[in-house]
Full PDB file with SEQRES, HELIX, SHEET, SSBOND, CRYST1, ORIGX, SCALE, CONECT and MASTER records, all heavy atoms in Angstrom:
SEQRES   1 A   41  VAL TYR PRO ILE THR SER GLY GLU ILE TYR PHE LYS GLY          
SEQRES   2 A   41  GLU ARG ILE THR LEU LEU LYS GLN ASP LEU ILE VAL ARG          
SEQRES   3 A   41  LYS GLY LEU CYS ARG THR PHE GLN GLU LEU ARG ILE PHE          
SEQRES   4 A   41  LYS ASN                                                      
HELIX    1 AA1 GLN A   21  LYS A   27  1                                   7    
SHEET    1 AA1 2 TYR A  10  PHE A  11  0                                        
SHEET    2 AA1 2 GLU A  14  ARG A  15 -1                                        
CRYST1    1.000    1.000    1.000  90.00  90.00  90.00 P 1           1          
ORIGX1      1.000000  0.000000  0.000000        0.00000                         
ORIGX2      0.000000  1.000000  0.000000        0.00000                         
ORIGX3      0.000000  0.000000  1.000000        0.00000                         
SCALE1      1.000000  0.000000  0.000000        0.00000                         
SCALE2      0.000000  1.000000  0.000000        0.00000                         
SCALE3      0.000000  0.000000  1.000000        0.00000                         
ATOM      1  N   VAL A   1     -85.559 200.041 -86.203  1.00  0.00           N  
ATOM      2  CA  VAL A   1     -85.005 200.655 -87.413  1.00  0.00           C  
ATOM      3  C   VAL A   1     -85.880 200.311 -88.613  1.00  0.00           C  
ATOM      4  O   VAL A   1     -86.166 201.154 -89.463  1.00  0.00           O  
ATOM      5  CB  VAL A   1     -83.555 200.188 -87.658  1.00  0.00           C  
ATOM      6  CG1 VAL A   1     -83.010 200.764 -88.961  1.00  0.00           C  
ATOM      7  CG2 VAL A   1     -82.661 200.603 -86.495  1.00  0.00           C  
ATOM      8  N   TYR A   2     -86.304 199.037 -88.685  1.00  0.00           N  
ATOM      9  CA  TYR A   2     -87.204 198.584 -89.743  1.00  0.00           C  
ATOM     10  C   TYR A   2     -88.543 198.191 -89.138  1.00  0.00           C  
ATOM     11  O   TYR A   2     -88.577 197.476 -88.124  1.00  0.00           O  
ATOM     12  CB  TYR A   2     -86.649 197.350 -90.461  1.00  0.00           C  
ATOM     13  CG  TYR A   2     -85.363 197.535 -91.215  1.00  0.00           C  
ATOM     14  CD1 TYR A   2     -84.495 196.458 -91.386  1.00  0.00           C  
ATOM     15  CD2 TYR A   2     -85.023 198.754 -91.790  1.00  0.00           C  
ATOM     16  CE1 TYR A   2     -83.312 196.588 -92.095  1.00  0.00           C  
ATOM     17  CE2 TYR A   2     -83.840 198.908 -92.495  1.00  0.00           C  
ATOM     18  CZ  TYR A   2     -82.981 197.813 -92.638  1.00  0.00           C  
ATOM     19  OH  TYR A   2     -81.816 197.953 -93.335  1.00  0.00           O  
ATOM     20  N   PRO A   3     -89.641 198.612 -89.735  1.00  0.00           N  
ATOM     21  CA  PRO A   3     -90.939 198.062 -89.320  1.00  0.00           C  
ATOM     22  C   PRO A   3     -91.045 196.634 -89.842  1.00  0.00           C  
ATOM     23  O   PRO A   3     -90.687 196.350 -90.982  1.00  0.00           O  
ATOM     24  CB  PRO A   3     -91.945 198.991 -90.011  1.00  0.00           C  
ATOM     25  CG  PRO A   3     -91.211 199.504 -91.222  1.00  0.00           C  
ATOM     26  CD  PRO A   3     -89.769 199.611 -90.819  1.00  0.00           C  
ATOM     27  N   ILE A   4     -91.513 195.717 -88.998  1.00  0.00           N  
ATOM     28  CA  ILE A   4     -91.592 194.337 -89.448  1.00  0.00           C  
ATOM     29  C   ILE A   4     -92.792 194.147 -90.374  1.00  0.00           C  
ATOM     30  O   ILE A   4     -93.772 194.895 -90.305  1.00  0.00           O  
ATOM     31  CB  ILE A   4     -91.662 193.360 -88.263  1.00  0.00           C  
ATOM     32  CG1 ILE A   4     -92.909 193.595 -87.412  1.00  0.00           C  
ATOM     33  CG2 ILE A   4     -90.404 193.461 -87.420  1.00  0.00           C  
ATOM     34  CD1 ILE A   4     -93.071 192.588 -86.286  1.00  0.00           C  
ATOM     35  N   THR A   5     -92.689 193.163 -91.235  1.00  0.00           N  
ATOM     36  CA  THR A   5     -93.781 192.862 -92.165  1.00  0.00           C  
ATOM     37  C   THR A   5     -94.899 192.122 -91.460  1.00  0.00           C  
ATOM     38  O   THR A   5     -96.082 192.366 -91.697  1.00  0.00           O  
ATOM     39  CB  THR A   5     -93.248 192.030 -93.351  1.00  0.00           C  
ATOM     40  OG1 THR A   5     -92.175 192.747 -93.980  1.00  0.00           O  
ATOM     41  CG2 THR A   5     -94.337 191.774 -94.373  1.00  0.00           C  
ATOM     42  N   SER A   6     -94.522 191.202 -90.573  1.00  0.00           N  
ATOM     43  CA  SER A   6     -95.513 190.485 -89.770  1.00  0.00           C  
ATOM     44  C   SER A   6     -94.832 189.931 -88.527  1.00  0.00           C  
ATOM     45  O   SER A   6     -93.603 189.848 -88.455  1.00  0.00           O  
ATOM     46  CB  SER A   6     -96.158 189.350 -90.572  1.00  0.00           C  
ATOM     47  OG  SER A   6     -95.185 188.396 -90.972  1.00  0.00           O  
ATOM     48  N   GLY A   7     -95.646 189.555 -87.532  1.00  0.00           N  
ATOM     49  CA  GLY A   7     -95.115 189.018 -86.288  1.00  0.00           C  
ATOM     50  C   GLY A   7     -95.287 189.999 -85.135  1.00  0.00           C  
ATOM     51  O   GLY A   7     -95.886 191.076 -85.291  1.00  0.00           O  
ATOM     52  N   GLU A   8     -94.730 189.635 -83.989  1.00  0.00           N  
ATOM     53  CA  GLU A   8     -94.831 190.470 -82.797  1.00  0.00           C  
ATOM     54  C   GLU A   8     -93.509 190.456 -82.031  1.00  0.00           C  
ATOM     55  O   GLU A   8     -92.771 189.466 -82.054  1.00  0.00           O  
ATOM     56  CB  GLU A   8     -95.941 189.976 -81.860  1.00  0.00           C  
ATOM     57  CG  GLU A   8     -97.351 190.046 -82.451  1.00  0.00           C  
ATOM     58  CD  GLU A   8     -97.874 191.463 -82.608  1.00  0.00           C  
ATOM     59  OE1 GLU A   8     -97.211 192.407 -82.140  1.00  0.00           O  
ATOM     60  OE2 GLU A   8     -98.965 191.620 -83.193  1.00  0.00           O  
ATOM     61  N   ILE A   9     -93.234 191.582 -81.335  1.00  0.00           N  
ATOM     62  CA  ILE A   9     -92.040 191.706 -80.507  1.00  0.00           C  
ATOM     63  C   ILE A   9     -92.472 192.201 -79.131  1.00  0.00           C  
ATOM     64  O   ILE A   9     -93.204 193.198 -79.018  1.00  0.00           O  
ATOM     65  CB  ILE A   9     -91.020 192.684 -81.127  1.00  0.00           C  
ATOM     66  CG1 ILE A   9     -90.650 192.244 -82.541  1.00  0.00           C  
ATOM     67  CG2 ILE A   9     -89.759 192.778 -80.246  1.00  0.00           C  
ATOM     68  CD1 ILE A   9     -89.771 193.239 -83.291  1.00  0.00           C  
ATOM     69  N   TYR A  10     -92.003 191.510 -78.069  1.00  0.00           N  
ATOM     70  CA  TYR A  10     -92.353 191.870 -76.704  1.00  0.00           C  
ATOM     71  C   TYR A  10     -91.083 192.057 -75.879  1.00  0.00           C  
ATOM     72  O   TYR A  10     -90.131 191.284 -76.001  1.00  0.00           O  
ATOM     73  CB  TYR A  10     -93.205 190.774 -76.054  1.00  0.00           C  
ATOM     74  CG  TYR A  10     -94.538 190.543 -76.730  1.00  0.00           C  
ATOM     75  CD1 TYR A  10     -94.651 189.609 -77.759  1.00  0.00           C  
ATOM     76  CD2 TYR A  10     -95.672 191.244 -76.338  1.00  0.00           C  
ATOM     77  CE1 TYR A  10     -95.865 189.388 -78.388  1.00  0.00           C  
ATOM     78  CE2 TYR A  10     -96.900 191.025 -76.958  1.00  0.00           C  
ATOM     79  CZ  TYR A  10     -96.984 190.102 -77.986  1.00  0.00           C  
ATOM     80  OH  TYR A  10     -98.197 189.888 -78.605  1.00  0.00           O  
ATOM     81  N   PHE A  11     -91.087 193.092 -75.044  1.00  0.00           N  
ATOM     82  CA  PHE A  11     -89.974 193.337 -74.131  1.00  0.00           C  
ATOM     83  C   PHE A  11     -90.532 193.473 -72.725  1.00  0.00           C  
ATOM     84  O   PHE A  11     -91.400 194.303 -72.482  1.00  0.00           O  
ATOM     85  CB  PHE A  11     -89.210 194.606 -74.529  1.00  0.00           C  
ATOM     86  CG  PHE A  11     -88.002 194.877 -73.678  1.00  0.00           C  
ATOM     87  CD1 PHE A  11     -86.910 194.019 -73.691  1.00  0.00           C  
ATOM     88  CD2 PHE A  11     -87.947 195.989 -72.854  1.00  0.00           C  
ATOM     89  CE1 PHE A  11     -85.799 194.258 -72.907  1.00  0.00           C  
ATOM     90  CE2 PHE A  11     -86.835 196.242 -72.070  1.00  0.00           C  
ATOM     91  CZ  PHE A  11     -85.760 195.361 -72.095  1.00  0.00           C  
ATOM     92  N   LYS A  12     -90.081 192.618 -71.827  1.00  0.00           N  
ATOM     93  CA  LYS A  12     -90.607 192.558 -70.458  1.00  0.00           C  
ATOM     94  C   LYS A  12     -92.130 192.411 -70.463  1.00  0.00           C  
ATOM     95  O   LYS A  12     -92.836 192.996 -69.648  1.00  0.00           O  
ATOM     96  CB  LYS A  12     -90.175 193.793 -69.657  1.00  0.00           C  
ATOM     97  CG  LYS A  12     -88.669 193.888 -69.446  1.00  0.00           C  
ATOM     98  CD  LYS A  12     -88.287 194.968 -68.456  1.00  0.00           C  
ATOM     99  CE  LYS A  12     -88.650 196.341 -68.957  1.00  0.00           C  
ATOM    100  NZ  LYS A  12     -88.144 197.414 -68.035  1.00  0.00           N  
ATOM    101  N   GLY A  13     -92.630 191.640 -71.409  1.00  0.00           N  
ATOM    102  CA  GLY A  13     -94.056 191.365 -71.494  1.00  0.00           C  
ATOM    103  C   GLY A  13     -94.871 192.429 -72.198  1.00  0.00           C  
ATOM    104  O   GLY A  13     -96.070 192.250 -72.420  1.00  0.00           O  
ATOM    105  N   GLU A  14     -94.222 193.541 -72.574  1.00  0.00           N  
ATOM    106  CA  GLU A  14     -94.932 194.650 -73.227  1.00  0.00           C  
ATOM    107  C   GLU A  14     -94.686 194.608 -74.732  1.00  0.00           C  
ATOM    108  O   GLU A  14     -93.555 194.464 -75.192  1.00  0.00           O  
ATOM    109  CB  GLU A  14     -94.448 195.987 -72.666  1.00  0.00           C  
ATOM    110  CG  GLU A  14     -95.119 197.187 -73.286  1.00  0.00           C  
ATOM    111  CD  GLU A  14     -94.588 198.500 -72.744  1.00  0.00           C  
ATOM    112  OE1 GLU A  14     -93.779 198.464 -71.787  1.00  0.00           O  
ATOM    113  OE2 GLU A  14     -94.963 199.558 -73.266  1.00  0.00           O  
ATOM    114  N   ARG A  15     -95.721 194.766 -75.497  1.00  0.00           N  
ATOM    115  CA  ARG A  15     -95.604 194.761 -76.958  1.00  0.00           C  
ATOM    116  C   ARG A  15     -94.900 196.032 -77.425  1.00  0.00           C  
ATOM    117  O   ARG A  15     -95.347 197.135 -77.133  1.00  0.00           O  
ATOM    118  CB  ARG A  15     -96.997 194.679 -77.590  1.00  0.00           C  
ATOM    119  CG  ARG A  15     -97.006 194.599 -79.118  1.00  0.00           C  
ATOM    120  CD  ARG A  15     -98.437 194.368 -79.588  1.00  0.00           C  
ATOM    121  NE  ARG A  15     -98.536 194.302 -81.044  1.00  0.00           N  
ATOM    122  CZ  ARG A  15     -98.822 195.341 -81.830  1.00  0.00           C  
ATOM    123  NH1 ARG A  15     -99.042 196.542 -81.288  1.00  0.00           N  
ATOM    124  NH2 ARG A  15     -98.893 195.194 -83.135  1.00  0.00           N  
ATOM    125  N   ILE A  16     -93.798 195.863 -78.158  1.00  0.00           N  
ATOM    126  CA  ILE A  16     -93.050 197.022 -78.664  1.00  0.00           C  
ATOM    127  C   ILE A  16     -92.959 196.990 -80.189  1.00  0.00           C  
ATOM    128  O   ILE A  16     -92.156 197.710 -80.783  1.00  0.00           O  
ATOM    129  CB  ILE A  16     -91.629 197.076 -78.060  1.00  0.00           C  
ATOM    130  CG1 ILE A  16     -90.807 195.832 -78.440  1.00  0.00           C  
ATOM    131  CG2 ILE A  16     -91.684 197.243 -76.549  1.00  0.00           C  
ATOM    132  CD1 ILE A  16     -89.321 195.959 -78.119  1.00  0.00           C  
ATOM    133  N   THR A  17     -93.801 196.202 -80.814  1.00  0.00           N  
ATOM    134  CA  THR A  17     -93.713 195.934 -82.246  1.00  0.00           C  
ATOM    135  C   THR A  17     -93.644 197.197 -83.090  1.00  0.00           C  
ATOM    136  O   THR A  17     -92.852 197.290 -84.017  1.00  0.00           O  
ATOM    137  CB  THR A  17     -94.913 195.079 -82.700  1.00  0.00           C  
ATOM    138  OG1 THR A  17     -94.987 193.927 -81.871  1.00  0.00           O  
ATOM    139  CG2 THR A  17     -94.750 194.653 -84.147  1.00  0.00           C  
ATOM    140  N   LEU A  18     -94.444 198.195 -82.784  1.00  0.00           N  
ATOM    141  CA  LEU A  18     -94.543 199.374 -83.645  1.00  0.00           C  
ATOM    142  C   LEU A  18     -93.910 200.625 -83.037  1.00  0.00           C  
ATOM    143  O   LEU A  18     -94.074 201.724 -83.568  1.00  0.00           O  
ATOM    144  CB  LEU A  18     -96.015 199.649 -83.974  1.00  0.00           C  
ATOM    145  CG  LEU A  18     -96.753 198.517 -84.712  1.00  0.00           C  
ATOM    146  CD1 LEU A  18     -98.220 198.887 -84.898  1.00  0.00           C  
ATOM    147  CD2 LEU A  18     -96.096 198.237 -86.057  1.00  0.00           C  
ATOM    148  N   LEU A  19     -93.170 200.470 -81.941  1.00  0.00           N  
ATOM    149  CA  LEU A  19     -92.572 201.640 -81.298  1.00  0.00           C  
ATOM    150  C   LEU A  19     -91.413 202.204 -82.116  1.00  0.00           C  
ATOM    151  O   LEU A  19     -90.702 201.475 -82.815  1.00  0.00           O  
ATOM    152  CB  LEU A  19     -92.068 201.277 -79.901  1.00  0.00           C  
ATOM    153  CG  LEU A  19     -93.110 200.975 -78.830  1.00  0.00           C  
ATOM    154  CD1 LEU A  19     -92.423 200.765 -77.484  1.00  0.00           C  
ATOM    155  CD2 LEU A  19     -94.140 202.096 -78.724  1.00  0.00           C  
ATOM    156  N   LYS A  20     -91.192 203.515 -81.983  1.00  0.00           N  
ATOM    157  CA  LYS A  20     -90.061 204.159 -82.642  1.00  0.00           C  
ATOM    158  C   LYS A  20     -88.775 203.868 -81.881  1.00  0.00           C  
ATOM    159  O   LYS A  20     -88.788 203.490 -80.717  1.00  0.00           O  
ATOM    160  CB  LYS A  20     -90.305 205.668 -82.729  1.00  0.00           C  
ATOM    161  CG  LYS A  20     -91.487 206.042 -83.622  1.00  0.00           C  
ATOM    162  CD  LYS A  20     -91.671 207.549 -83.693  1.00  0.00           C  
ATOM    163  CE  LYS A  20     -92.830 207.922 -84.590  1.00  0.00           C  
ATOM    164  NZ  LYS A  20     -93.029 209.401 -84.658  1.00  0.00           N  
ATOM    165  N   GLN A  21     -87.645 204.120 -82.572  1.00  0.00           N  
ATOM    166  CA  GLN A  21     -86.347 203.760 -82.011  1.00  0.00           C  
ATOM    167  C   GLN A  21     -86.092 204.398 -80.649  1.00  0.00           C  
ATOM    168  O   GLN A  21     -85.604 203.730 -79.728  1.00  0.00           O  
ATOM    169  CB  GLN A  21     -85.236 204.172 -82.986  1.00  0.00           C  
ATOM    170  CG  GLN A  21     -85.240 203.424 -84.303  1.00  0.00           C  
ATOM    171  CD  GLN A  21     -84.132 203.909 -85.212  1.00  0.00           C  
ATOM    172  OE1 GLN A  21     -82.942 203.829 -84.891  1.00  0.00           O  
ATOM    173  NE2 GLN A  21     -84.507 204.423 -86.379  1.00  0.00           N  
ATOM    174  N   ASP A  22     -86.367 205.697 -80.518  1.00  0.00           N  
ATOM    175  CA  ASP A  22     -86.043 206.376 -79.271  1.00  0.00           C  
ATOM    176  C   ASP A  22     -86.876 205.842 -78.111  1.00  0.00           C  
ATOM    177  O   ASP A  22     -86.392 205.737 -76.974  1.00  0.00           O  
ATOM    178  CB  ASP A  22     -86.229 207.897 -79.410  1.00  0.00           C  
ATOM    179  CG  ASP A  22     -87.648 208.295 -79.766  1.00  0.00           C  
ATOM    180  OD1 ASP A  22     -88.314 207.537 -80.497  1.00  0.00           O  
ATOM    181  OD2 ASP A  22     -88.101 209.367 -79.324  1.00  0.00           O  
ATOM    182  N   LEU A  23     -88.122 205.459 -78.383  1.00  0.00           N  
ATOM    183  CA  LEU A  23     -88.966 204.907 -77.336  1.00  0.00           C  
ATOM    184  C   LEU A  23     -88.493 203.515 -76.922  1.00  0.00           C  
ATOM    185  O   LEU A  23     -88.566 203.141 -75.754  1.00  0.00           O  
ATOM    186  CB  LEU A  23     -90.418 204.849 -77.799  1.00  0.00           C  
ATOM    187  CG  LEU A  23     -91.089 206.206 -78.039  1.00  0.00           C  
ATOM    188  CD1 LEU A  23     -92.508 206.013 -78.547  1.00  0.00           C  
ATOM    189  CD2 LEU A  23     -91.089 207.040 -76.755  1.00  0.00           C  
ATOM    190  N   ILE A  24     -87.983 202.764 -77.885  1.00  0.00           N  
ATOM    191  CA  ILE A  24     -87.447 201.431 -77.580  1.00  0.00           C  
ATOM    192  C   ILE A  24     -86.216 201.554 -76.693  1.00  0.00           C  
ATOM    193  O   ILE A  24     -86.034 200.784 -75.745  1.00  0.00           O  
ATOM    194  CB  ILE A  24     -87.136 200.669 -78.885  1.00  0.00           C  
ATOM    195  CG1 ILE A  24     -88.451 200.281 -79.573  1.00  0.00           C  
ATOM    196  CG2 ILE A  24     -86.285 199.431 -78.613  1.00  0.00           C  
ATOM    197  CD1 ILE A  24     -88.282 199.636 -80.931  1.00  0.00           C  
ATOM    198  N   VAL A  25     -85.369 202.549 -76.969  1.00  0.00           N  
ATOM    199  CA  VAL A  25     -84.195 202.792 -76.119  1.00  0.00           C  
ATOM    200  C   VAL A  25     -84.643 203.136 -74.708  1.00  0.00           C  
ATOM    201  O   VAL A  25     -84.086 202.645 -73.712  1.00  0.00           O  
ATOM    202  CB  VAL A  25     -83.310 203.911 -76.695  1.00  0.00           C  
ATOM    203  CG1 VAL A  25     -82.201 204.275 -75.704  1.00  0.00           C  
ATOM    204  CG2 VAL A  25     -82.696 203.480 -78.020  1.00  0.00           C  
ATOM    205  N   ARG A  26     -85.662 203.974 -74.595  1.00  0.00           N  
ATOM    206  CA  ARG A  26     -86.171 204.353 -73.270  1.00  0.00           C  
ATOM    207  C   ARG A  26     -86.718 203.149 -72.513  1.00  0.00           C  
ATOM    208  O   ARG A  26     -86.674 203.112 -71.281  1.00  0.00           O  
ATOM    209  CB  ARG A  26     -87.262 205.421 -73.416  1.00  0.00           C  
ATOM    210  CG  ARG A  26     -86.746 206.782 -73.838  1.00  0.00           C  
ATOM    211  CD  ARG A  26     -87.881 207.777 -73.968  1.00  0.00           C  
ATOM    212  NE  ARG A  26     -87.433 209.045 -74.489  1.00  0.00           N  
ATOM    213  CZ  ARG A  26     -86.950 210.039 -73.742  1.00  0.00           C  
ATOM    214  NH1 ARG A  26     -86.882 209.883 -72.429  1.00  0.00           N  
ATOM    215  NH2 ARG A  26     -86.561 211.175 -74.286  1.00  0.00           N  
ATOM    216  N   LYS A  27     -87.226 202.170 -73.243  1.00  0.00           N  
ATOM    217  CA  LYS A  27     -87.746 200.960 -72.599  1.00  0.00           C  
ATOM    218  C   LYS A  27     -86.622 200.109 -72.009  1.00  0.00           C  
ATOM    219  O   LYS A  27     -86.866 199.296 -71.108  1.00  0.00           O  
ATOM    220  CB  LYS A  27     -88.541 200.116 -73.603  1.00  0.00           C  
ATOM    221  CG  LYS A  27     -89.817 200.762 -74.121  1.00  0.00           C  
ATOM    222  CD  LYS A  27     -90.869 200.858 -73.041  1.00  0.00           C  
ATOM    223  CE  LYS A  27     -92.157 201.447 -73.602  1.00  0.00           C  
ATOM    224  NZ  LYS A  27     -93.179 201.642 -72.537  1.00  0.00           N  
ATOM    225  N   GLY A  28     -85.399 200.281 -72.552  1.00  0.00           N  
ATOM    226  CA  GLY A  28     -84.280 199.524 -72.000  1.00  0.00           C  
ATOM    227  C   GLY A  28     -83.527 198.645 -72.973  1.00  0.00           C  
ATOM    228  O   GLY A  28     -82.794 197.749 -72.556  1.00  0.00           O  
ATOM    229  N   LEU A  29     -83.673 198.890 -74.279  1.00  0.00           N  
ATOM    230  CA  LEU A  29     -82.901 198.174 -75.288  1.00  0.00           C  
ATOM    231  C   LEU A  29     -81.961 199.160 -75.973  1.00  0.00           C  
ATOM    232  O   LEU A  29     -82.395 200.238 -76.409  1.00  0.00           O  
ATOM    233  CB  LEU A  29     -83.798 197.550 -76.359  1.00  0.00           C  
ATOM    234  CG  LEU A  29     -84.695 196.384 -75.975  1.00  0.00           C  
ATOM    235  CD1 LEU A  29     -86.002 196.888 -75.400  1.00  0.00           C  
ATOM    236  CD2 LEU A  29     -84.979 195.504 -77.195  1.00  0.00           C  
ATOM    237  N   CYS A  30     -80.698 198.811 -76.076  1.00  0.00           N  
ATOM    238  CA  CYS A  30     -79.757 199.685 -76.756  1.00  0.00           C  
ATOM    239  C   CYS A  30     -78.766 198.821 -77.521  1.00  0.00           C  
ATOM    240  O   CYS A  30     -78.436 197.710 -77.105  1.00  0.00           O  
ATOM    241  CB  CYS A  30     -79.026 200.589 -75.772  1.00  0.00           C  
ATOM    242  SG  CYS A  30     -78.202 201.986 -76.563  1.00  0.00           S  
ATOM    243  N   ARG A  31     -78.248 199.342 -78.624  1.00  0.00           N  
ATOM    244  CA  ARG A  31     -77.436 198.536 -79.517  1.00  0.00           C  
ATOM    245  C   ARG A  31     -76.166 199.252 -79.951  1.00  0.00           C  
ATOM    246  O   ARG A  31     -76.051 200.480 -79.839  1.00  0.00           O  
ATOM    247  CB  ARG A  31     -78.230 198.198 -80.775  1.00  0.00           C  
ATOM    248  CG  ARG A  31     -78.535 199.437 -81.615  1.00  0.00           C  
ATOM    249  CD  ARG A  31     -79.139 199.096 -82.943  1.00  0.00           C  
ATOM    250  NE  ARG A  31     -78.233 198.331 -83.790  1.00  0.00           N  
ATOM    251  CZ  ARG A  31     -78.557 197.897 -85.003  1.00  0.00           C  
ATOM    252  NH1 ARG A  31     -79.755 198.151 -85.494  1.00  0.00           N  
ATOM    253  NH2 ARG A  31     -77.694 197.230 -85.718  1.00  0.00           N  
ATOM    254  N   THR A  32     -75.229 198.449 -80.425  1.00  0.00           N  
ATOM    255  CA  THR A  32     -74.101 198.967 -81.188  1.00  0.00           C  
ATOM    256  C   THR A  32     -74.335 198.544 -82.640  1.00  0.00           C  
ATOM    257  O   THR A  32     -75.284 197.818 -82.952  1.00  0.00           O  
ATOM    258  CB  THR A  32     -72.763 198.402 -80.688  1.00  0.00           C  
ATOM    259  OG1 THR A  32     -72.744 196.981 -80.887  1.00  0.00           O  
ATOM    260  CG2 THR A  32     -72.564 198.723 -79.219  1.00  0.00           C  
ATOM    261  N   PHE A  33     -73.439 198.988 -83.523  1.00  0.00           N  
ATOM    262  CA  PHE A  33     -73.635 198.726 -84.946  1.00  0.00           C  
ATOM    263  C   PHE A  33     -72.465 197.953 -85.525  1.00  0.00           C  
ATOM    264  O   PHE A  33     -71.340 198.032 -85.027  1.00  0.00           O  
ATOM    265  CB  PHE A  33     -73.807 200.050 -85.710  1.00  0.00           C  
ATOM    266  CG  PHE A  33     -75.091 200.762 -85.392  1.00  0.00           C  
ATOM    267  CD1 PHE A  33     -75.181 201.596 -84.291  1.00  0.00           C  
ATOM    268  CD2 PHE A  33     -76.212 200.590 -86.182  1.00  0.00           C  
ATOM    269  CE1 PHE A  33     -76.359 202.252 -83.978  1.00  0.00           C  
ATOM    270  CE2 PHE A  33     -77.403 201.237 -85.878  1.00  0.00           C  
ATOM    271  CZ  PHE A  33     -77.471 202.074 -84.776  1.00  0.00           C  
ATOM    272  N   GLN A  34     -72.754 197.207 -86.607  1.00  0.00           N  
ATOM    273  CA  GLN A  34     -71.717 196.441 -87.283  1.00  0.00           C  
ATOM    274  C   GLN A  34     -70.630 197.373 -87.807  1.00  0.00           C  
ATOM    275  O   GLN A  34     -69.439 197.106 -87.659  1.00  0.00           O  
ATOM    276  CB  GLN A  34     -72.327 195.640 -88.427  1.00  0.00           C  
ATOM    277  CG  GLN A  34     -71.329 194.740 -89.153  1.00  0.00           C  
ATOM    278  CD  GLN A  34     -72.007 193.883 -90.210  1.00  0.00           C  
ATOM    279  OE1 GLN A  34     -73.235 193.850 -90.314  1.00  0.00           O  
ATOM    280  NE2 GLN A  34     -71.216 193.187 -90.989  1.00  0.00           N  
ATOM    281  N   GLU A  35     -71.055 198.462 -88.415  1.00  0.00           N  
ATOM    282  CA  GLU A  35     -70.110 199.486 -88.870  1.00  0.00           C  
ATOM    283  C   GLU A  35     -69.969 200.504 -87.737  1.00  0.00           C  
ATOM    284  O   GLU A  35     -70.955 201.039 -87.246  1.00  0.00           O  
ATOM    285  CB  GLU A  35     -70.616 200.165 -90.141  1.00  0.00           C  
ATOM    286  CG  GLU A  35     -70.711 199.228 -91.334  1.00  0.00           C  
ATOM    287  CD  GLU A  35     -71.245 199.924 -92.565  1.00  0.00           C  
ATOM    288  OE1 GLU A  35     -71.528 201.150 -92.480  1.00  0.00           O  
ATOM    289  OE2 GLU A  35     -71.398 199.267 -93.594  1.00  0.00           O  
ATOM    290  N   LEU A  36     -68.745 200.743 -87.342  1.00  0.00           N  
ATOM    291  CA  LEU A  36     -68.472 201.627 -86.213  1.00  0.00           C  
ATOM    292  C   LEU A  36     -69.157 202.981 -86.401  1.00  0.00           C  
ATOM    293  O   LEU A  36     -68.976 203.626 -87.429  1.00  0.00           O  
ATOM    294  CB  LEU A  36     -66.957 201.814 -86.076  1.00  0.00           C  
ATOM    295  CG  LEU A  36     -66.464 202.503 -84.805  1.00  0.00           C  
ATOM    296  CD1 LEU A  36     -66.803 201.658 -83.584  1.00  0.00           C  
ATOM    297  CD2 LEU A  36     -64.958 202.702 -84.891  1.00  0.00           C  
ATOM    298  N   ARG A  37     -69.933 203.407 -85.425  1.00  0.00           N  
ATOM    299  CA  ARG A  37     -70.669 204.671 -85.529  1.00  0.00           C  
ATOM    300  C   ARG A  37     -70.373 205.539 -84.315  1.00  0.00           C  
ATOM    301  O   ARG A  37     -71.241 205.741 -83.456  1.00  0.00           O  
ATOM    302  CB  ARG A  37     -72.172 204.410 -85.651  1.00  0.00           C  
ATOM    303  CG  ARG A  37     -72.557 203.691 -86.926  1.00  0.00           C  
ATOM    304  CD  ARG A  37     -74.039 203.705 -87.154  1.00  0.00           C  
ATOM    305  NE  ARG A  37     -74.424 202.969 -88.338  1.00  0.00           N  
ATOM    306  CZ  ARG A  37     -75.667 202.876 -88.797  1.00  0.00           C  
ATOM    307  NH1 ARG A  37     -76.650 203.489 -88.159  1.00  0.00           N  
ATOM    308  NH2 ARG A  37     -75.939 202.169 -89.872  1.00  0.00           N  
ATOM    309  N   ILE A  38     -69.155 206.020 -84.236  1.00  0.00           N  
ATOM    310  CA  ILE A  38     -68.830 207.013 -83.227  1.00  0.00           C  
ATOM    311  C   ILE A  38     -68.561 208.330 -83.931  1.00  0.00           C  
ATOM    312  O   ILE A  38     -68.307 208.371 -85.136  1.00  0.00           O  
ATOM    313  CB  ILE A  38     -67.627 206.594 -82.369  1.00  0.00           C  
ATOM    314  CG1 ILE A  38     -66.355 206.476 -83.223  1.00  0.00           C  
ATOM    315  CG2 ILE A  38     -67.900 205.303 -81.629  1.00  0.00           C  
ATOM    316  CD1 ILE A  38     -65.109 206.274 -82.394  1.00  0.00           C  
ATOM    317  N   PHE A  39     -68.615 209.408 -83.171  1.00  0.00           N  
ATOM    318  CA  PHE A  39     -68.340 210.729 -83.726  1.00  0.00           C  
ATOM    319  C   PHE A  39     -66.849 210.989 -83.559  1.00  0.00           C  
ATOM    320  O   PHE A  39     -66.382 211.386 -82.487  1.00  0.00           O  
ATOM    321  CB  PHE A  39     -69.190 211.784 -83.008  1.00  0.00           C  
ATOM    322  CG  PHE A  39     -70.665 211.571 -83.189  1.00  0.00           C  
ATOM    323  CD1 PHE A  39     -71.381 210.819 -82.275  1.00  0.00           C  
ATOM    324  CD2 PHE A  39     -71.327 212.104 -84.282  1.00  0.00           C  
ATOM    325  CE1 PHE A  39     -72.745 210.603 -82.441  1.00  0.00           C  
ATOM    326  CE2 PHE A  39     -72.692 211.901 -84.460  1.00  0.00           C  
ATOM    327  CZ  PHE A  39     -73.401 211.149 -83.533  1.00  0.00           C  
ATOM    328  N   LYS A  40     -66.117 210.759 -84.629  1.00  0.00           N  
ATOM    329  CA  LYS A  40     -64.659 210.733 -84.534  1.00  0.00           C  
ATOM    330  C   LYS A  40     -64.051 212.086 -84.231  1.00  0.00           C  
ATOM    331  O   LYS A  40     -62.946 212.170 -83.705  1.00  0.00           O  
ATOM    332  CB  LYS A  40     -64.065 210.152 -85.826  1.00  0.00           C  
ATOM    333  CG  LYS A  40     -64.415 208.685 -86.019  1.00  0.00           C  
ATOM    334  CD  LYS A  40     -63.641 208.060 -87.164  1.00  0.00           C  
ATOM    335  CE  LYS A  40     -63.924 206.561 -87.251  1.00  0.00           C  
ATOM    336  NZ  LYS A  40     -63.120 205.913 -88.307  1.00  0.00           N  
ATOM    337  N   ASN A  41     -64.746 213.175 -84.558  1.00  0.00           N  
ATOM    338  CA  ASN A  41     -64.213 214.511 -84.290  1.00  0.00           C  
ATOM    339  C   ASN A  41     -64.573 215.029 -82.905  1.00  0.00           C  
ATOM    340  O   ASN A  41     -64.138 216.110 -82.517  1.00  0.00           O  
ATOM    341  CB  ASN A  41     -64.698 215.496 -85.362  1.00  0.00           C  
ATOM    342  CG  ASN A  41     -64.073 215.222 -86.712  1.00  0.00           C  
ATOM    343  OD1 ASN A  41     -62.907 214.832 -86.790  1.00  0.00           O  
ATOM    344  ND2 ASN A  41     -64.843 215.413 -87.778  1.00  0.00           N  
TER     345      ASN A  41                                                      
MASTER        0    0    0    1    2    0    0    6  344    1    0    4          
END                                                                             
C-alpha cells in the first residue's frame, strides 16, 4: 500500500520490496483491514 522509504522485504526468500499490491497478493500475502471493508450492499 505504501512504498517504503528504505529497507527490504522478502517473502519466501524472494524480494517483494517494490511489488504492487495485486502482485503481492498473487505471491501469497493477503490482509484484512482495521476499518471493516466489505461491500455491504
